[in-house]
Amino acid sequence: MEKLRFPIGHFEPILTPSSEERQSFINQIPNISITLRSLLKDLTPNQLQTPYRLNGWTIQQIVHHLADNDMNAYLRFKRALTEEEPLADSYREDLWAELSDYKNVPIETSLLLLEILHSRFLILLNGLNPDDFNRRLRTQVLGKITIDTALQRFVWHNQHHISQIKSLIVSKCW
């Protein structure tokens, strides 16, 4: 069950990434929506309603969750850049996944949202100076973290859910 929930393992940050490592994380952001589109392009509506594991989210719920999570992350980054160690708001992602938009909004809406949001996020990240990545925010899950760590977590989170979708597609031979 653990391998199904965390196919790429648990998040482990690089505490002092080099500028090359940091840029590598930033450079992965455009591939998130490209990879999602490629994975999802041939899936049927019924397949999108398939949970990636027993009692897990459906593919459609995962896609909408990624859009919601990335919007929240973008706002957390902006707050960390403009406030002193702001507390990053949490949200009940489990309950959000049960709301009507997760069930009734086409995934294309969230894919477009991710593409637009990521293009703007890239401009923000590429405009930062190295010291900006040391700014901090506070989270309920991770405690105080730097923007560097938040960036790595952002990329990991997307790859984590993409891997869940890939695992389901492979296991079902879709």
Protein backbone atom coordinates (compact mmCIF):
# COMPACT_ATOMS: atom_id res chain seq x y z
CA MET A 1 0.00 0.00 0.00
CA GLU A 2 2.84 2.41 0.84
CA LYS A 3 4.36 1.94 -2.64
CA LEU A 4 0.97 2.76 -4.21
CA ARG A 5 0.53 5.88 -2.10
CA PHE A 6 4.13 7.08 -2.51
CA PRO A 7 5.48 5.59 -5.75
CA ILE A 8 8.47 7.96 -5.77
CA GLY A 9 9.02 7.81 -2.01
CA HIS A 10 8.54 10.46 0.64
CA PHE A 11 9.77 14.02 0.20
CA GLU A 12 13.39 14.58 1.22
CA PRO A 13 14.73 18.09 0.62
CA ILE A 14 18.22 19.12 -0.37
CA LEU A 15 18.87 21.59 2.46
CA THR A 16 21.47 23.69 0.66
CA PRO A 17 20.98 23.18 -3.07
CA SER A 18 23.49 24.60 -5.51
CA SER A 19 22.30 27.17 -8.01
CA GLU A 20 22.40 24.41 -10.66
CA GLU A 21 20.23 22.10 -8.52
CA ARG A 22 17.79 24.95 -7.88
CA GLN A 23 17.58 25.74 -11.58
CA SER A 24 16.99 22.06 -12.29
CA PHE A 25 13.92 22.13 -10.05
CA ILE A 26 12.65 25.30 -11.72
CA ASN A 27 13.23 23.76 -15.16
CA GLN A 28 11.01 20.79 -14.26
CA ILE A 29 7.92 22.96 -13.80
CA PRO A 30 6.98 23.34 -17.51
CA ASN A 31 7.12 19.56 -17.93
CA ILE A 32 4.42 18.99 -15.32
CA SER A 33 1.48 19.95 -17.52
CA ILE A 34 3.15 18.47 -20.62
CA THR A 35 3.52 15.11 -18.86
CA LEU A 36 -0.02 15.25 -17.50
CA ARG A 37 -1.47 15.99 -20.94
CA SER A 38 0.49 13.13 -22.46
CA LEU A 39 -0.65 10.68 -19.78
CA LEU A 40 -4.29 11.71 -19.95
CA LYS A 41 -4.85 12.25 -23.68
CA ASP A 42 -6.20 8.80 -24.48
CA LEU A 43 -8.08 8.06 -21.26
CA THR A 44 -11.84 7.63 -21.37
CA PRO A 45 -14.24 9.37 -18.98
CA ASN A 46 -14.65 6.05 -17.12
CA GLN A 47 -10.89 5.68 -16.78
CA LEU A 48 -10.65 9.21 -15.36
CA GLN A 49 -13.10 8.10 -12.65
CA THR A 50 -10.86 5.20 -11.60
CA PRO A 51 -9.09 5.54 -8.24
CA TYR A 52 -5.33 5.05 -8.40
CA ARG A 53 -5.59 2.71 -5.38
CA LEU A 54 -8.29 1.28 -3.10
CA ASN A 55 -9.94 4.21 -1.28
CA GLY A 56 -7.72 6.62 -3.20
CA TRP A 57 -8.58 9.57 -5.40
CA THR A 58 -9.63 9.15 -8.99
CA ILE A 59 -7.42 10.44 -11.76
CA GLN A 60 -9.84 13.33 -12.24
CA GLN A 61 -9.64 14.24 -8.54
CA ILE A 62 -5.84 14.15 -8.69
CA VAL A 63 -5.75 16.54 -11.67
CA HIS A 64 -8.08 19.02 -9.97
CA HIS A 65 -6.10 18.65 -6.73
CA LEU A 66 -2.88 19.53 -8.55
CA ALA A 67 -4.43 22.75 -9.86
CA ASP A 68 -5.74 23.70 -6.41
CA ASN A 69 -2.49 22.80 -4.69
CA ASP A 70 -0.36 24.73 -7.17
CA MET A 71 -2.56 27.83 -6.82
CA ASN A 72 -2.09 27.65 -3.06
CA ALA A 73 1.65 27.10 -3.44
CA TYR A 74 2.00 30.10 -5.75
CA LEU A 75 0.31 32.31 -3.16
CA ARG A 76 2.52 30.89 -0.39
CA PHE A 77 5.62 31.77 -2.40
CA LYS A 78 4.42 35.32 -2.98
CA ARG A 79 3.62 35.73 0.71
CA ALA A 80 7.05 34.37 1.69
CA LEU A 81 8.64 36.91 -0.65
CA THR A 82 6.69 39.85 0.75
CA GLU A 83 6.12 38.97 4.43
CA GLU A 84 8.34 37.81 7.27
CA GLU A 85 7.88 34.06 7.76
CA PRO A 86 4.15 33.98 7.02
CA LEU A 87 2.09 31.03 8.17
CA ALA A 88 1.09 29.13 5.05
CA ASP A 89 -2.60 28.41 5.20
CA SER A 90 -3.54 24.78 5.02
CA TYR A 91 -6.74 23.42 3.54
CA ARG A 92 -8.72 20.21 3.78
CA GLU A 93 -7.65 18.68 0.49
CA ASP A 94 -9.55 15.50 1.34
CA LEU A 95 -12.79 17.48 1.61
CA TRP A 96 -12.02 19.66 -1.40
CA ALA A 97 -11.72 16.46 -3.46
CA GLU A 98 -15.34 15.66 -2.60
CA LEU A 99 -16.74 18.99 -3.81
CA SER A 100 -18.81 19.15 -6.98
CA ASP A 101 -16.15 20.86 -9.09
CA TYR A 102 -13.82 17.88 -8.69
CA LYS A 103 -16.56 15.64 -10.01
CA ASN A 104 -18.17 17.86 -12.67
CA VAL A 105 -15.48 20.12 -14.12
CA PRO A 106 -13.61 18.67 -17.10
CA ILE A 107 -9.92 18.01 -16.44
CA GLU A 108 -9.08 20.33 -19.35
CA THR A 109 -10.01 23.26 -17.11
CA SER A 110 -7.40 22.27 -14.53
CA LEU A 111 -4.81 21.45 -17.18
CA LEU A 112 -5.20 24.93 -18.66
CA LEU A 113 -5.04 26.45 -15.20
CA LEU A 114 -1.81 24.58 -14.49
CA GLU A 115 -0.25 25.71 -17.77
CA ILE A 116 -1.10 29.37 -17.16
CA LEU A 117 -0.17 29.28 -13.48
CA HIS A 118 3.14 27.54 -14.16
CA SER A 119 4.09 30.06 -16.85
CA ARG A 120 3.56 32.87 -14.37
CA PHE A 121 5.30 30.95 -11.58
CA LEU A 122 8.35 30.48 -13.81
CA ILE A 123 8.61 34.21 -14.40
CA LEU A 124 8.46 34.80 -10.65
CA LEU A 125 11.05 32.13 -9.82
CA ASN A 126 13.47 33.09 -12.59
CA GLY A 127 13.30 36.71 -11.41
CA LEU A 128 14.46 35.92 -7.88
CA ASN A 129 17.97 36.53 -6.66
CA PRO A 130 19.81 33.77 -4.76
CA ASP A 131 19.09 35.35 -1.35
CA ASP A 132 15.34 35.25 -2.03
CA PHE A 133 15.46 31.45 -1.91
CA ASN A 134 16.53 31.69 1.74
CA ARG A 135 13.34 33.50 2.74
CA ARG A 136 11.12 31.40 4.97
CA LEU A 137 7.51 30.47 5.49
CA ARG A 138 5.88 28.33 8.15
CA THR A 139 3.73 25.31 7.43
CA GLN A 140 1.75 23.04 9.71
CA VAL A 141 3.30 19.93 8.14
CA LEU A 142 6.94 20.92 7.58
CA GLY A 143 7.42 23.74 10.11
CA LYS A 144 9.71 26.59 8.99
CA ILE A 145 11.06 26.04 5.50
CA THR A 146 12.94 28.11 2.96
CA ILE A 147 11.64 28.95 -0.47
CA ASP A 148 14.32 26.55 -1.72
CA THR A 149 12.67 23.70 0.19
CA ALA A 150 9.19 24.85 -0.84
CA LEU A 151 10.30 24.77 -4.49
CA GLN A 152 11.58 21.22 -4.15
CA ARG A 153 8.38 20.18 -2.37
CA PHE A 154 6.31 21.78 -5.15
CA VAL A 155 8.08 19.75 -7.83
CA TRP A 156 8.05 16.57 -5.71
CA HIS A 157 4.32 16.92 -5.03
CA ASN A 158 3.50 17.13 -8.73
CA GLN A 159 5.81 14.22 -9.60
CA HIS A 160 4.30 12.22 -6.73
CA HIS A 161 0.77 12.51 -8.15
CA ILE A 162 1.90 12.05 -11.75
CA SER A 163 3.56 8.81 -10.64
CA GLN A 164 0.32 7.65 -9.03
CA ILE A 165 -1.47 8.18 -12.35
CA LYS A 166 1.34 6.44 -14.30
CA SER A 167 1.24 3.47 -11.92
CA LEU A 168 -2.51 3.06 -12.47
CA ILE A 169 -2.19 3.32 -16.26
CA VAL A 170 0.59 0.69 -16.27
CA SER A 171 -1.24 -1.66 -13.89
CA LYS A 172 -4.43 -1.47 -16.00
CA CYS A 173 -2.52 -1.72 -19.32
CA TRP A 174 -4.26 1.38 -20.67
